[in-house]
Amino acid sequence: MVMQLQKRNQPAELAAVLRSEKARKRLQLFMDYYIKNCPQENYDYALWQPVSLLSTVLDEGETTGRAIYTVTIPAGQYTNYTGSVAGGAVAALLDGLMICTLSMIVKKGFWEDRGVSRNLMLHFFKPVAADQKLKVECVLQSTTTRMVSFDTSLRDMDGTLLVKSSQDIVNVSKAKL
């Protein structure tokens, strides 16, 4: 695709493709690092194993964008008595994917420590089934040096909205601790 854009000499489109490719690489590196360094007994470990990155878009200012993932939440420790995925498991997954998505904009001196959740709000529209392939879209809405805001949706593969969430993450630089 990059070669096609170069041949057509469309620098804005080429720049957008290159930004998004750089963002995809950053996210994939973060995901790989997290899985490699996450203890197997950690609650997140089995949640993150089936996560795949589908696509990224990093906007021109490189402070907003979106990432789309697929995931299958395994049954067992993540399900409640009805067989649906527990709300806490969904919250943990979405929180982690938003922090992962933040990797798109990390630069030296800018969000290097990723930050911590200030608030996380989830709205459940339908039960989330275990062992079902799902799509997560994390949209980085706004960024300052101190805080980022996300909107995220969790859908089944038919496009049905299951969960919508929003989150603010606060930058906690080690230098300020």
Protein backbone atom coordinates (compact mmCIF):
# COMPACT_ATOMS: atom_id res chain seq x y z
CA MET A 1 0.00 0.00 0.00
CA VAL A 2 2.84 2.42 0.81
CA MET A 3 4.36 1.88 -2.64
CA GLN A 4 1.00 2.62 -4.30
CA LEU A 5 0.74 5.92 -2.44
CA GLN A 6 4.32 6.88 -3.32
CA LYS A 7 3.63 6.24 -7.00
CA ARG A 8 0.55 8.46 -6.86
CA ASN A 9 2.65 11.11 -5.08
CA GLN A 10 0.13 11.85 -2.35
CA PRO A 11 2.27 12.98 0.60
CA ALA A 12 -0.62 13.52 3.04
CA GLU A 13 -1.94 9.99 2.52
CA LEU A 14 1.56 8.55 2.72
CA ALA A 15 2.23 10.43 5.96
CA ALA A 16 -1.02 9.07 7.43
CA VAL A 17 -0.10 5.49 6.49
CA LEU A 18 3.40 5.87 7.95
CA ARG A 19 2.05 7.41 11.21
CA SER A 20 -0.42 4.57 11.60
CA GLU A 21 2.23 1.94 10.87
CA LYS A 22 4.52 3.48 13.50
CA ALA A 23 1.61 3.47 15.96
CA ARG A 24 0.84 -0.20 15.17
CA LYS A 25 4.46 -1.17 15.84
CA ARG A 26 4.46 0.69 19.18
CA LEU A 27 1.26 -1.01 20.27
CA GLN A 28 2.46 -4.46 19.21
CA LEU A 29 5.74 -3.95 21.09
CA PHE A 30 3.81 -2.97 24.22
CA MET A 31 1.49 -5.98 23.92
CA ASP A 32 4.41 -8.37 23.40
CA TYR A 33 6.32 -6.86 26.33
CA TYR A 34 3.27 -7.06 28.60
CA ILE A 35 2.55 -10.72 27.82
CA LYS A 36 6.22 -11.66 28.18
CA ASN A 37 6.54 -9.96 31.58
CA CYS A 38 3.10 -10.70 33.03
CA PRO A 39 3.20 -13.52 35.59
CA GLN A 40 0.99 -16.43 34.54
CA GLU A 41 -0.90 -16.27 37.84
CA ASN A 42 -1.79 -12.61 37.17
CA TYR A 43 -5.48 -11.94 36.47
CA ASP A 44 -4.59 -10.19 33.19
CA TYR A 45 -2.46 -12.99 31.78
CA ALA A 46 -5.22 -15.17 30.30
CA LEU A 47 -7.23 -12.09 29.28
CA TRP A 48 -4.34 -10.78 27.15
CA GLN A 49 -3.32 -14.08 25.53
CA PRO A 50 -6.09 -14.02 22.88
CA VAL A 51 -5.83 -10.26 22.11
CA SER A 52 -4.88 -9.37 18.53
CA LEU A 53 -4.29 -5.91 17.11
CA LEU A 54 -6.31 -5.35 13.93
CA SER A 55 -5.59 -1.74 13.01
CA THR A 56 -4.40 1.66 14.18
CA VAL A 57 -4.93 5.23 13.07
CA LEU A 58 -2.77 7.99 14.51
CA ASP A 59 -3.96 11.48 13.68
CA GLU A 60 -1.70 14.18 12.24
CA GLY A 61 -0.81 15.81 15.57
CA GLU A 62 0.10 12.35 16.96
CA THR A 63 -1.93 12.95 20.11
CA THR A 64 -5.24 11.34 19.10
CA GLY A 65 -6.16 8.21 17.22
CA ARG A 66 -7.72 4.78 17.49
CA ALA A 67 -6.83 1.14 17.76
CA ILE A 68 -9.02 -1.86 17.00
CA TYR A 69 -8.41 -5.23 18.63
CA THR A 70 -10.06 -8.64 18.60
CA VAL A 71 -10.26 -10.78 21.69
CA THR A 72 -11.93 -13.93 22.94
CA ILE A 73 -12.45 -13.84 26.71
CA PRO A 74 -12.02 -17.38 28.03
CA ALA A 75 -14.71 -19.01 30.17
CA GLY A 76 -13.88 -20.10 33.70
CA GLN A 77 -12.31 -17.56 36.01
CA TYR A 78 -13.77 -14.63 34.02
CA THR A 79 -17.42 -15.74 34.00
CA ASN A 80 -20.15 -15.25 36.57
CA TYR A 81 -22.83 -17.69 37.71
CA THR A 82 -24.94 -17.01 34.57
CA GLY A 83 -22.08 -17.93 32.25
CA SER A 84 -21.58 -14.35 31.06
CA VAL A 85 -18.25 -12.59 31.39
CA ALA A 86 -18.09 -10.78 34.73
CA GLY A 87 -18.19 -6.98 34.61
CA GLY A 88 -14.88 -6.78 36.45
CA ALA A 89 -13.17 -8.87 33.78
CA VAL A 90 -14.56 -6.61 31.05
CA ALA A 91 -13.39 -3.54 33.01
CA ALA A 92 -9.89 -5.01 33.47
CA LEU A 93 -9.63 -5.85 29.78
CA LEU A 94 -10.81 -2.44 28.55
CA ASP A 95 -8.63 -0.59 31.07
CA GLY A 96 -5.59 -2.55 29.90
CA LEU A 97 -6.34 -2.01 26.21
CA MET A 98 -6.74 1.74 26.74
CA ILE A 99 -3.36 1.86 28.48
CA CYS A 100 -1.95 -0.20 25.60
CA THR A 101 -3.48 2.20 23.05
CA LEU A 102 -1.75 5.05 24.85
CA SER A 103 1.51 3.52 23.58
CA MET A 104 0.76 5.08 20.18
CA ILE A 105 1.66 8.56 21.42
CA VAL A 106 4.50 7.79 23.83
CA LYS A 107 7.66 9.77 23.13
CA LYS A 108 10.71 10.56 25.19
CA GLY A 109 9.48 12.93 27.88
CA PHE A 110 5.82 12.54 26.84
CA TRP A 111 3.69 9.89 28.55
CA GLU A 112 6.67 7.54 29.02
CA ASP A 113 5.23 6.12 32.26
CA ARG A 114 1.77 5.52 30.69
CA GLY A 115 -0.16 6.84 33.71
CA VAL A 116 -2.91 5.52 35.94
CA SER A 117 -6.68 5.48 35.67
CA ARG A 118 -8.42 8.53 37.09
CA ASN A 119 -11.87 7.22 36.29
CA LEU A 120 -13.38 4.40 34.30
CA MET A 121 -17.07 4.31 33.43
CA LEU A 122 -18.72 1.35 31.73
CA HIS A 123 -22.22 1.00 30.33
CA PHE A 124 -23.34 -2.58 29.66
CA PHE A 125 -25.99 -2.97 26.95
CA LYS A 126 -25.98 -6.76 26.54
CA PRO A 127 -24.28 -9.67 28.30
CA VAL A 128 -20.77 -10.46 27.09
CA ALA A 129 -20.46 -14.11 26.17
CA ALA A 130 -17.30 -16.05 27.01
CA ASP A 131 -15.40 -17.91 24.30
CA GLN A 132 -16.84 -15.59 21.63
CA LYS A 133 -14.66 -13.47 19.34
CA LEU A 134 -15.19 -9.77 20.10
CA LYS A 135 -14.02 -6.46 18.67
CA VAL A 136 -12.70 -3.63 20.86
CA GLU A 137 -12.25 -0.11 19.49
CA CYS A 138 -10.26 2.28 21.69
CA VAL A 139 -10.48 5.91 20.61
CA LEU A 140 -7.97 8.33 22.11
CA GLN A 141 -10.12 11.47 22.16
CA SER A 142 -7.83 14.08 23.71
CA THR A 143 -4.35 14.39 25.12
CA THR A 144 -2.61 16.92 27.30
CA THR A 145 0.68 16.52 29.13
CA ARG A 146 -1.32 15.70 32.26
CA MET A 147 -4.33 13.64 31.11
CA VAL A 148 -5.73 11.59 28.22
CA SER A 149 -9.37 10.71 27.56
CA PHE A 150 -10.66 7.57 25.85
CA ASP A 151 -13.96 6.27 24.53
CA THR A 152 -14.08 2.54 23.95
CA SER A 153 -16.64 0.12 22.57
CA LEU A 154 -16.87 -3.65 22.85
CA ARG A 155 -18.92 -5.33 20.12
CA ASP A 156 -19.62 -8.84 18.94
CA MET A 157 -18.41 -9.68 15.44
CA ASP A 158 -21.88 -8.88 14.03
CA GLY A 159 -21.41 -5.29 15.25
CA THR A 160 -23.82 -5.41 18.17
CA LEU A 161 -22.74 -2.98 20.90
CA LEU A 162 -22.22 -4.85 24.17
CA VAL A 163 -20.28 -2.34 26.30
CA LYS A 164 -19.36 1.31 25.94
CA SER A 165 -16.79 2.88 28.23
CA SER A 166 -14.95 6.12 28.84
CA GLN A 167 -11.79 6.67 30.81
CA ASP A 168 -9.43 9.42 31.85
CA ILE A 169 -5.82 8.48 32.53
CA VAL A 170 -3.54 10.76 34.53
CA ASN A 171 0.16 11.09 33.78
CA VAL A 172 2.27 10.16 36.81
CA SER A 173 5.85 10.87 35.85
CA LYS A 174 8.41 9.16 38.08
CA ALA A 175 10.17 12.51 38.40
CA LYS A 176 7.09 13.91 40.16
CA LEU A 177 6.52 11.02 42.59
